[in-house]
């Protein structure tokens, strides 16, 4: 086990926030950046910029860039923005100052590739992954990792009360899961679950599973847009929301759920004060800041269903790099960016950066994954067994904020399931689905 003071974690986050505010005041559009080689544009080295949209690994990326710059003689700057990806990149494009490499979501690759992404079809790493994104017959998206979501469990905390080994396969149904939650409460764990209140978790992850687990996702989204989907009577919606209600009932922050801090929830789960929380393997980047149990993992969302979805996680390729194709990026810079991607896939230091420092499940068959954290090992196991339900990668940019706000009202008991379902129908009926 590793013990780190939570105060240090919060201080670090405060410093990042202060940096972001400072840069915003200087016209940085919410960016935080690190110039990593000390040479800058005057060093004579080729210089590239990297946009990172994954806040959990910003510190790791900044440290990596320093080391990479020193080893390779390439000046690297890493940026992060809290703005939506599309809005932030649009600002850079309009200023004729695009990033050399941008890490974005799949939907952003699809929307930006034709105009902004370089063709990577001839790169060696393409044959080592099943997750690359192609547009118009050209490979344009480099998959950074595989991620998946479900219910995170702390088996050590569970076993301390039940006295028997925890096997997630025994709790695939909501009935069985509810029985375990009641057993934990009776055994002294007053509130065995936690719920993250963030809109990206509620609307981008949990709610999205009510789409992704439909027999035909695109047909369902089309029906929502056409106003013909009856959400409140949809079997998948109700199965998932029944499970959410169970998590909500036993939530440690039930009295003020939208005030719950993510760091507190992660710590309670890590240290066994609670046993379950909906999330994904990315949560390990926060869990490992505390006195965590090694005996943790990720399980499918328990549901009373016979469609097999309660035996699978939802996930796949997550976060993609694309290289700028415009005249604002030189061929020398593009080659340096390609070299960086090849370093991630084919060099030991690059592999270790992904799997050990960033705790990411590799999307490439040649990368050793034995050093993965417990949550990522769960993801790899389900992926290797073919038990991943595909992500839906085409949510409109405002889905998180609008549907997330509606979900937060439901979490706080300010609306009921019928009102929440109507909110979802209203959103989609007035929103054009992303073309793909």
Protein backbone atom coordinates (compact mmCIF):
# COMPACT_ATOMS: atom_id res chain seq x y z
CA UNK A 1 0.00 0.00 0.00
CA UNK A 2 0.99 3.61 -0.49
CA UNK A 3 -0.06 6.37 1.86
CA UNK A 4 -0.18 9.93 0.62
CA UNK A 5 -1.62 12.83 2.53
CA UNK A 6 -4.86 14.04 1.04
CA UNK A 7 -3.76 17.58 1.83
CA UNK A 8 -0.94 17.23 -0.66
CA UNK A 9 -3.37 16.09 -3.33
CA UNK A 10 -5.69 18.99 -2.70
CA UNK A 11 -2.76 21.43 -2.62
CA UNK A 12 -1.59 20.14 -5.98
CA UNK A 13 -5.08 20.54 -7.42
CA UNK A 14 -5.28 24.04 -5.97
CA UNK A 15 -2.01 24.97 -7.64
CA UNK A 16 -3.30 23.66 -10.98
CA UNK A 17 -6.48 25.69 -10.50
CA UNK A 18 -4.46 28.79 -9.65
CA UNK A 19 -2.35 28.26 -12.76
CA UNK A 20 -5.48 27.91 -14.88
CA UNK A 21 -7.02 31.10 -13.46
CA UNK A 22 -3.78 32.97 -14.02
CA UNK A 23 -3.48 31.86 -17.62
CA UNK A 24 -7.14 32.61 -18.28
CA UNK A 25 -6.57 36.15 -17.02
CA UNK A 26 -3.74 36.41 -19.56
CA UNK A 27 -6.03 35.35 -22.39
CA UNK A 28 -5.19 31.65 -22.20
CA UNK A 29 -8.76 30.38 -22.57
CA UNK A 30 -8.49 28.24 -19.47
CA UNK A 31 -5.26 26.57 -20.58
CA UNK A 32 -2.58 25.23 -18.30
CA UNK A 33 0.70 24.58 -20.04
CA UNK A 34 4.23 23.42 -19.41
CA UNK A 35 7.23 24.41 -21.49
CA UNK A 36 9.35 21.38 -21.00
CA UNK A 37 12.84 21.65 -22.44
CA UNK A 38 13.94 25.04 -21.29
CA UNK A 39 14.94 25.86 -24.84
CA UNK A 40 11.65 27.08 -26.24
CA UNK A 41 11.41 28.31 -29.79
CA UNK A 42 14.90 29.78 -29.58
CA UNK A 43 16.65 26.49 -28.81
CA UNK A 44 17.00 25.43 -32.42
CA UNK A 45 15.06 22.21 -31.77
CA UNK A 46 11.83 21.30 -33.49
CA UNK A 47 8.96 22.34 -31.21
CA UNK A 48 5.58 20.63 -30.91
CA UNK A 49 2.51 21.31 -28.80
CA UNK A 50 0.26 18.68 -27.27
CA UNK A 51 -3.33 19.26 -26.19
CA UNK A 52 -4.44 16.94 -23.40
CA UNK A 53 -8.17 16.73 -22.65
CA UNK A 54 -7.77 14.19 -19.84
CA UNK A 55 -7.22 16.11 -16.60
CA UNK A 56 -6.38 12.97 -14.60
CA UNK A 57 -3.06 12.63 -16.40
CA UNK A 58 -2.07 16.26 -16.88
CA UNK A 59 0.69 16.09 -14.27
CA UNK A 60 2.03 12.90 -15.82
CA UNK A 61 2.01 14.44 -19.29
CA UNK A 62 3.89 17.51 -18.14
CA UNK A 63 6.57 15.40 -16.43
CA UNK A 64 6.79 13.08 -19.43
CA UNK A 65 7.26 16.03 -21.76
CA UNK A 66 10.26 17.24 -19.77
CA UNK A 67 11.89 13.82 -19.93
CA UNK A 68 10.99 13.29 -23.58
CA UNK A 69 12.40 16.69 -24.53
CA UNK A 70 15.67 15.93 -22.77
CA UNK A 71 15.99 12.51 -24.41
CA UNK A 72 14.84 13.34 -27.92
CA UNK A 73 15.87 16.96 -28.39
CA UNK A 74 12.30 18.04 -29.17
CA UNK A 75 10.78 21.06 -27.45
CA UNK A 76 7.38 19.98 -26.12
CA UNK A 77 4.61 22.00 -24.51
CA UNK A 78 1.55 20.32 -22.99
CA UNK A 79 -1.73 22.19 -22.61
CA UNK A 80 -5.02 21.46 -20.87
CA UNK A 81 -8.28 23.39 -21.09
CA UNK A 82 -11.46 23.10 -19.05
CA UNK A 83 -13.49 24.38 -22.03
CA UNK A 84 -15.31 21.92 -24.26
CA UNK A 85 -12.88 20.41 -26.73
CA UNK A 86 -14.67 21.72 -29.81
CA UNK A 87 -14.88 25.28 -28.47
CA UNK A 88 -11.28 25.31 -27.33
CA UNK A 89 -9.87 23.92 -30.56
CA UNK A 90 -12.04 26.27 -32.60
CA UNK A 91 -10.35 29.17 -30.81
CA UNK A 92 -6.94 27.82 -31.71
CA UNK A 93 -7.91 27.24 -35.34
CA UNK A 94 -9.35 30.72 -35.70
CA UNK A 95 -6.06 32.12 -34.40
CA UNK A 96 -4.13 29.97 -36.91
CA UNK A 97 -2.37 28.42 -33.94
CA UNK A 98 -3.41 24.74 -33.87
CA UNK A 99 -1.81 22.18 -31.62
CA UNK A 100 0.57 19.79 -33.33
CA UNK A 101 -1.05 16.88 -31.50
CA UNK A 102 -4.54 16.99 -30.01
CA UNK A 103 -5.95 14.35 -27.65
CA UNK A 104 -9.73 14.40 -28.05
CA UNK A 105 -12.78 12.14 -27.87
CA UNK A 106 -13.78 9.94 -30.79
CA UNK A 107 -16.64 12.22 -31.80
CA UNK A 108 -14.19 15.11 -32.12
CA UNK A 109 -12.01 13.09 -34.47
CA UNK A 110 -15.00 12.35 -36.67
CA UNK A 111 -16.05 16.00 -36.78
CA UNK A 112 -12.58 17.50 -37.24
CA UNK A 113 -10.68 14.93 -39.30
CA UNK A 114 -11.68 15.95 -42.81
CA UNK A 115 -10.43 19.49 -42.34
CA UNK A 116 -7.72 19.20 -39.70
CA UNK A 117 -6.25 15.69 -39.34
CA UNK A 118 -3.19 14.25 -41.08
CA UNK A 119 -3.33 10.82 -42.72
CA UNK A 120 -1.62 8.23 -40.49
CA UNK A 121 -2.47 5.16 -42.53
CA UNK A 122 1.17 4.29 -43.22
CA UNK A 123 2.22 4.24 -39.57
CA UNK A 124 3.50 0.96 -38.12
CA UNK A 125 1.30 1.12 -35.02
CA UNK A 126 -1.88 0.80 -37.10
CA UNK A 127 -1.48 -2.97 -37.40
CA UNK A 128 -1.07 -3.31 -33.62
CA UNK A 129 -4.51 -1.99 -32.63
CA UNK A 130 -8.18 -2.68 -33.27
CA UNK A 131 -9.26 0.78 -32.15
CA UNK A 132 -7.81 3.25 -34.68
CA UNK A 133 -10.32 5.67 -36.21
CA UNK A 134 -10.57 5.97 -39.99
CA UNK A 135 -12.41 8.69 -41.88
CA UNK A 136 -12.88 8.61 -45.66
CA UNK A 137 -10.64 5.57 -45.88
CA UNK A 138 -7.73 7.17 -44.01
CA UNK A 139 -6.50 6.38 -40.50
CA UNK A 140 -6.61 9.67 -38.62
CA UNK A 141 -7.16 8.79 -34.95
CA UNK A 142 -4.47 7.24 -32.74
CA UNK A 143 -6.14 5.43 -29.79
CA UNK A 144 -4.44 6.45 -26.56
CA UNK A 145 -5.98 3.74 -24.40
CA UNK A 146 -8.89 1.42 -23.73
CA UNK A 147 -11.27 2.52 -20.99
CA UNK A 148 -14.42 1.01 -19.58
CA UNK A 149 -17.02 1.77 -16.97
CA UNK A 150 -19.15 -0.12 -14.53
CA UNK A 151 -19.32 -0.41 -10.76
CA UNK A 152 -16.03 -0.13 -8.88
CA UNK A 153 -15.85 -2.43 -5.85
CA UNK A 154 -13.61 -2.72 -2.82
CA UNK A 155 -13.57 -6.47 -2.20
CA UNK A 156 -11.53 -6.16 0.99
CA UNK A 157 -14.17 -3.93 2.58
CA UNK A 158 -16.95 -6.29 1.49
CA UNK A 159 -15.20 -9.42 2.72
CA UNK A 160 -14.47 -7.83 6.09
CA UNK A 161 -18.23 -7.80 6.72
CA UNK A 162 -19.48 -10.86 4.84
CA UNK A 163 -16.63 -13.12 5.92
CA UNK A 164 -16.48 -14.77 2.50
CA UNK A 165 -14.62 -14.14 -0.76
CA UNK A 166 -16.28 -11.56 -3.01
CA UNK A 167 -17.06 -12.76 -6.53
CA UNK A 168 -18.68 -10.05 -8.68
CA UNK A 169 -20.23 -12.74 -10.89
CA UNK A 170 -22.50 -13.61 -7.96
CA UNK A 171 -24.09 -10.15 -8.10
CA UNK A 172 -25.04 -9.70 -11.74
CA UNK A 173 -28.71 -9.12 -10.95
CA UNK A 174 -30.07 -6.16 -9.04
CA UNK A 175 -31.87 -8.50 -6.66
CA UNK A 176 -28.59 -10.14 -5.66
CA UNK A 177 -26.82 -6.79 -5.46
CA UNK A 178 -29.54 -5.32 -3.24
CA UNK A 179 -29.21 -8.33 -0.97
CA UNK A 180 -25.49 -7.67 -0.60
CA UNK A 181 -26.03 -3.98 0.11
CA UNK A 182 -28.49 -4.86 2.87
CA UNK A 183 -26.01 -7.37 4.28
CA UNK A 184 -23.31 -4.69 4.36
CA UNK A 185 -25.62 -2.25 6.14
CA UNK A 186 -26.59 -4.90 8.69
CA UNK A 187 -22.90 -5.62 9.22
CA UNK A 188 -22.09 -2.04 10.14
CA UNK A 189 -21.35 -0.26 6.83
CA UNK A 190 -23.97 2.43 7.24
CA UNK A 191 -23.79 3.68 3.65
CA UNK A 192 -22.04 1.24 1.29
CA UNK A 193 -22.16 3.32 -1.93
CA UNK A 194 -20.96 6.61 -3.35
CA UNK A 195 -22.20 8.58 -6.38
CA UNK A 196 -20.18 11.14 -8.27
CA UNK A 197 -22.36 14.18 -8.91
CA UNK A 198 -20.31 15.54 -11.84
CA UNK A 199 -22.29 16.01 -15.07
CA UNK A 200 -19.71 14.05 -17.09
CA UNK A 201 -20.16 11.05 -14.79
CA UNK A 202 -23.95 11.20 -14.60
CA UNK A 203 -24.78 12.22 -18.17
CA UNK A 204 -21.66 11.17 -20.01
CA UNK A 205 -21.27 7.76 -18.40
CA UNK A 206 -24.29 6.40 -16.52
CA UNK A 207 -27.08 7.92 -18.62
CA UNK A 208 -25.22 7.05 -21.80
CA UNK A 209 -25.37 3.37 -20.87
CA UNK A 210 -29.15 3.57 -21.22
CA UNK A 211 -28.42 4.34 -24.90
CA UNK A 212 -25.45 2.06 -25.42
CA UNK A 213 -27.25 -1.01 -24.10
CA UNK A 214 -30.17 -0.63 -26.50
CA UNK A 215 -30.47 -3.33 -29.20
CA UNK A 216 -29.84 -0.65 -31.86
CA UNK A 217 -28.24 2.50 -30.44
CA UNK A 218 -28.51 4.65 -33.57
CA UNK A 219 -32.16 3.70 -34.04
CA UNK A 220 -32.89 4.63 -30.43
CA UNK A 221 -31.14 8.00 -30.72
CA UNK A 222 -33.04 8.66 -33.95
CA UNK A 223 -36.31 7.84 -32.19
CA UNK A 224 -35.39 10.20 -29.36
CA UNK A 225 -34.72 12.96 -31.87
CA UNK A 226 -37.97 12.22 -33.71
CA UNK A 227 -39.91 12.32 -30.45
CA UNK A 228 -41.13 8.74 -30.82
CA UNK A 229 -39.06 7.10 -28.05
CA UNK A 230 -41.06 6.40 -24.90
CA UNK A 231 -38.22 6.71 -22.40
CA UNK A 232 -40.16 6.20 -19.19
CA UNK A 233 -41.45 2.83 -20.44
CA UNK A 234 -38.17 1.71 -22.03
CA UNK A 235 -36.99 -1.54 -20.43
CA UNK A 236 -33.29 -0.65 -20.53
CA UNK A 237 -33.89 2.79 -19.10
CA UNK A 238 -35.83 1.29 -16.20
CA UNK A 239 -33.33 -1.52 -15.54
CA UNK A 240 -30.47 0.97 -15.33
CA UNK A 241 -32.44 3.49 -13.29
CA UNK A 242 -33.52 0.77 -10.86
CA UNK A 243 -29.85 0.14 -10.20
CA UNK A 244 -29.14 3.85 -9.89
CA UNK A 245 -31.92 4.08 -7.31
CA UNK A 246 -30.22 1.35 -5.28
CA UNK A 247 -26.92 3.24 -5.40
CA UNK A 248 -28.77 6.42 -4.50
CA UNK A 249 -30.58 4.84 -1.57
CA UNK A 250 -27.32 3.70 0.02
CA UNK A 251 -25.25 6.76 -0.93
CA UNK A 252 -23.06 8.03 1.91
CA UNK A 253 -23.88 11.60 0.77
CA UNK A 254 -27.62 11.00 0.40
CA UNK A 255 -28.49 14.06 2.49
CA UNK A 256 -26.60 16.39 0.12
CA UNK A 257 -25.66 14.35 -2.96
CA UNK A 258 -24.86 17.25 -5.30
CA UNK A 259 -22.42 18.66 -2.76
CA UNK A 260 -20.37 15.48 -2.57
CA UNK A 261 -16.74 16.07 -3.52
CA UNK A 262 -15.23 13.57 -5.92
CA UNK A 263 -12.01 13.36 -3.90
CA UNK A 264 -13.95 12.42 -0.76
CA UNK A 265 -15.88 9.70 -2.60
CA UNK A 266 -12.71 8.27 -4.12
CA UNK A 267 -11.00 8.24 -0.71
CA UNK A 268 -13.92 6.53 1.00
CA UNK A 269 -13.93 3.85 -1.68
CA UNK A 270 -10.16 3.43 -1.63
CA UNK A 271 -10.00 3.04 2.13
CA UNK A 272 -13.08 0.83 2.43
CA UNK A 273 -15.50 3.18 4.15
CA UNK A 274 -17.83 2.49 1.23
CA UNK A 275 -17.82 -0.60 -0.98
CA UNK A 276 -19.21 0.48 -4.38
CA UNK A 277 -19.19 3.46 -6.75
CA UNK A 278 -20.10 3.75 -10.41
CA UNK A 279 -17.06 4.82 -12.41
CA UNK A 280 -14.24 3.61 -14.64
CA UNK A 281 -10.62 2.61 -14.62
CA UNK A 282 -9.62 6.29 -14.91
CA UNK A 283 -10.63 6.64 -11.27
CA UNK A 284 -7.45 4.83 -10.23
CA UNK A 285 -5.50 8.03 -10.85
CA UNK A 286 -7.31 9.44 -7.80
CA UNK A 287 -7.79 6.26 -5.76
CA UNK A 288 -4.05 5.66 -5.65
CA UNK A 289 -3.54 8.91 -3.76
CA UNK A 290 -4.97 7.28 -0.64
CA UNK A 291 -4.39 4.26 1.59
CA UNK A 292 -6.07 2.00 -0.91
CA UNK A 293 -6.87 -1.71 -0.96
CA UNK A 294 -5.18 -3.74 -3.68
CA UNK A 295 -8.24 -5.99 -3.80
CA UNK A 296 -10.41 -3.75 -5.93
CA UNK A 297 -11.92 -4.12 -9.36
CA UNK A 298 -14.59 -3.13 -11.86
CA UNK A 299 -17.79 -5.11 -12.45
CA UNK A 300 -20.74 -4.69 -14.84
CA UNK A 301 -23.71 -2.67 -13.64
CA UNK A 302 -26.01 -5.16 -11.86
CA UNK A 303 -29.42 -5.32 -13.54
CA UNK A 304 -32.49 -7.48 -13.50
CA UNK A 305 -32.23 -8.28 -17.20
CA UNK A 306 -31.76 -11.25 -19.48
CA UNK A 307 -30.06 -9.41 -22.37
CA UNK A 308 -26.54 -10.20 -21.16
CA UNK A 309 -25.60 -6.56 -20.52
CA UNK A 310 -25.11 -7.31 -16.82
CA UNK A 311 -22.14 -9.48 -17.78
CA UNK A 312 -20.27 -6.77 -19.70
CA UNK A 313 -18.59 -3.45 -19.11
CA UNK A 314 -19.16 -0.54 -21.49
CA UNK A 315 -16.01 0.71 -23.15
CA UNK A 316 -13.47 0.60 -25.92
CA UNK A 317 -10.95 2.98 -27.41
CA UNK A 318 -10.89 6.15 -25.35
CA UNK A 319 -9.17 9.42 -26.20
CA UNK A 320 -7.49 9.77 -29.56
CA UNK A 321 -4.59 11.79 -30.86
CA UNK A 322 -4.74 13.43 -34.25
CA UNK A 323 -1.97 15.41 -35.92
CA UNK A 324 -2.69 18.79 -37.44
CA UNK A 325 -2.65 18.79 -41.23
CA UNK A 326 -2.68 22.55 -41.84
CA UNK A 327 0.02 24.79 -43.23
CA UNK A 328 0.46 26.17 -39.72
CA UNK A 329 2.23 22.92 -38.81
CA UNK A 330 5.44 22.13 -40.65
CA UNK A 331 6.36 18.72 -42.05
CA UNK A 332 9.19 18.63 -39.51
CA UNK A 333 6.69 19.13 -36.69
CA UNK A 334 4.36 16.49 -38.12
CA UNK A 335 7.23 14.02 -38.25
CA UNK A 336 8.15 14.84 -34.65
CA UNK A 337 4.53 14.19 -33.68
CA UNK A 338 4.56 10.84 -35.49
CA UNK A 339 7.81 9.97 -33.73
CA UNK A 340 6.14 10.70 -30.40
CA UNK A 341 3.24 8.36 -31.18
CA UNK A 342 5.67 5.64 -32.21
CA UNK A 343 7.56 6.19 -28.95
CA UNK A 344 4.35 5.50 -27.01
CA UNK A 345 3.75 2.21 -28.85
CA UNK A 346 7.19 0.79 -29.57
CA UNK A 347 9.64 2.05 -26.94
CA UNK A 348 9.87 0.76 -23.39
CA UNK A 349 9.77 4.23 -21.84
CA UNK A 350 6.69 5.11 -23.87
CA UNK A 351 4.95 1.90 -22.86
CA UNK A 352 5.76 2.52 -19.20
CA UNK A 353 4.42 6.05 -19.46
CA UNK A 354 1.04 4.75 -20.62
CA UNK A 355 0.66 1.73 -18.35
CA UNK A 356 2.58 2.64 -15.21
CA UNK A 357 2.63 6.42 -14.92
CA UNK A 358 -0.78 7.12 -16.45
CA UNK A 359 -2.36 3.78 -15.42
CA UNK A 360 -3.96 3.42 -18.85
CA UNK A 361 -5.01 0.15 -20.49
CA UNK A 362 -3.00 -0.02 -23.72
CA UNK A 363 -4.86 -0.17 -27.02
CA UNK A 364 -1.94 -2.00 -28.66
CA UNK A 365 -1.33 -5.74 -28.75
CA UNK A 366 2.44 -5.46 -28.36
CA UNK A 367 2.39 -3.51 -25.08
CA UNK A 368 2.86 -5.51 -21.88
CA UNK A 369 0.01 -4.83 -19.46
CA UNK A 370 1.26 -6.80 -16.45
CA UNK A 371 1.94 -3.63 -14.46
CA UNK A 372 -1.62 -2.35 -14.69
CA UNK A 373 -3.56 -1.23 -11.63
CA UNK A 374 -6.49 -3.35 -10.31
CA UNK A 375 -9.21 -1.44 -12.17
CA UNK A 376 -7.34 -1.52 -15.46
CA UNK A 377 -6.70 -5.24 -15.03
CA UNK A 378 -10.46 -5.71 -14.80
CA UNK A 379 -10.93 -3.75 -18.03
CA UNK A 380 -8.28 -5.79 -19.82
CA UNK A 381 -9.89 -9.03 -18.62
CA UNK A 382 -13.32 -8.05 -19.97
CA UNK A 383 -11.78 -6.72 -23.19
CA UNK A 384 -9.78 -9.91 -23.74
CA UNK A 385 -12.96 -11.95 -23.22
CA UNK A 386 -14.89 -9.85 -25.73
CA UNK A 387 -17.16 -8.52 -22.98
CA UNK A 388 -17.19 -4.82 -23.78
CA UNK A 389 -20.31 -3.04 -24.99
CA UNK A 390 -19.20 -0.36 -27.47
CA UNK A 391 -19.09 3.26 -26.42
CA UNK A 392 -21.51 5.61 -28.14
CA UNK A 393 -19.09 8.24 -29.41
CA UNK A 394 -21.47 10.78 -30.90
CA UNK A 395 -23.03 12.72 -28.04
CA UNK A 396 -23.61 16.41 -28.81
CA UNK A 397 -21.30 18.75 -26.91
CA UNK A 398 -24.06 20.05 -24.63
CA UNK A 399 -25.29 16.59 -23.60
CA UNK A 400 -23.12 16.59 -20.47
CA UNK A 401 -24.26 19.98 -19.23
CA UNK A 402 -27.98 19.86 -20.07
CA UNK A 403 -28.69 16.21 -19.33
CA UNK A 404 -26.24 16.30 -16.44
CA UNK A 405 -28.21 19.11 -14.81
CA UNK A 406 -31.42 17.10 -15.23
CA UNK A 407 -29.71 14.05 -13.73
CA UNK A 408 -28.45 16.09 -10.78
CA UNK A 409 -32.04 17.15 -10.05
CA UNK A 410 -33.05 13.51 -10.03
CA UNK A 411 -30.11 12.64 -7.77
CA UNK A 412 -31.20 15.36 -5.35
CA UNK A 413 -34.85 14.21 -5.38
CA UNK A 414 -35.90 17.43 -7.08
CA UNK A 415 -37.58 15.42 -9.85
CA UNK A 416 -38.91 11.90 -10.25
CA UNK A 417 -38.18 9.30 -12.92
CA UNK A 418 -41.03 10.39 -15.17
CA UNK A 419 -39.87 14.03 -15.12
CA UNK A 420 -36.28 12.98 -15.74
CA UNK A 421 -37.37 10.83 -18.69
CA UNK A 422 -39.32 13.78 -20.09
CA UNK A 423 -36.22 15.97 -19.70
CA UNK A 424 -34.21 13.49 -21.77
CA UNK A 425 -36.90 13.37 -24.47
CA UNK A 426 -37.06 17.18 -24.54
CA UNK A 427 -33.29 17.45 -24.94
CA UNK A 428 -33.04 15.03 -27.84
CA UNK A 429 -36.10 16.33 -29.66
CA UNK A 430 -34.46 19.75 -29.87
CA UNK A 431 -30.92 18.55 -30.58
CA UNK A 432 -29.59 17.29 -33.88
CA UNK A 433 -27.68 13.99 -33.43
CA UNK A 434 -24.03 14.11 -34.47
CA UNK A 435 -23.67 12.82 -38.02
CA UNK A 436 -21.44 9.79 -38.43
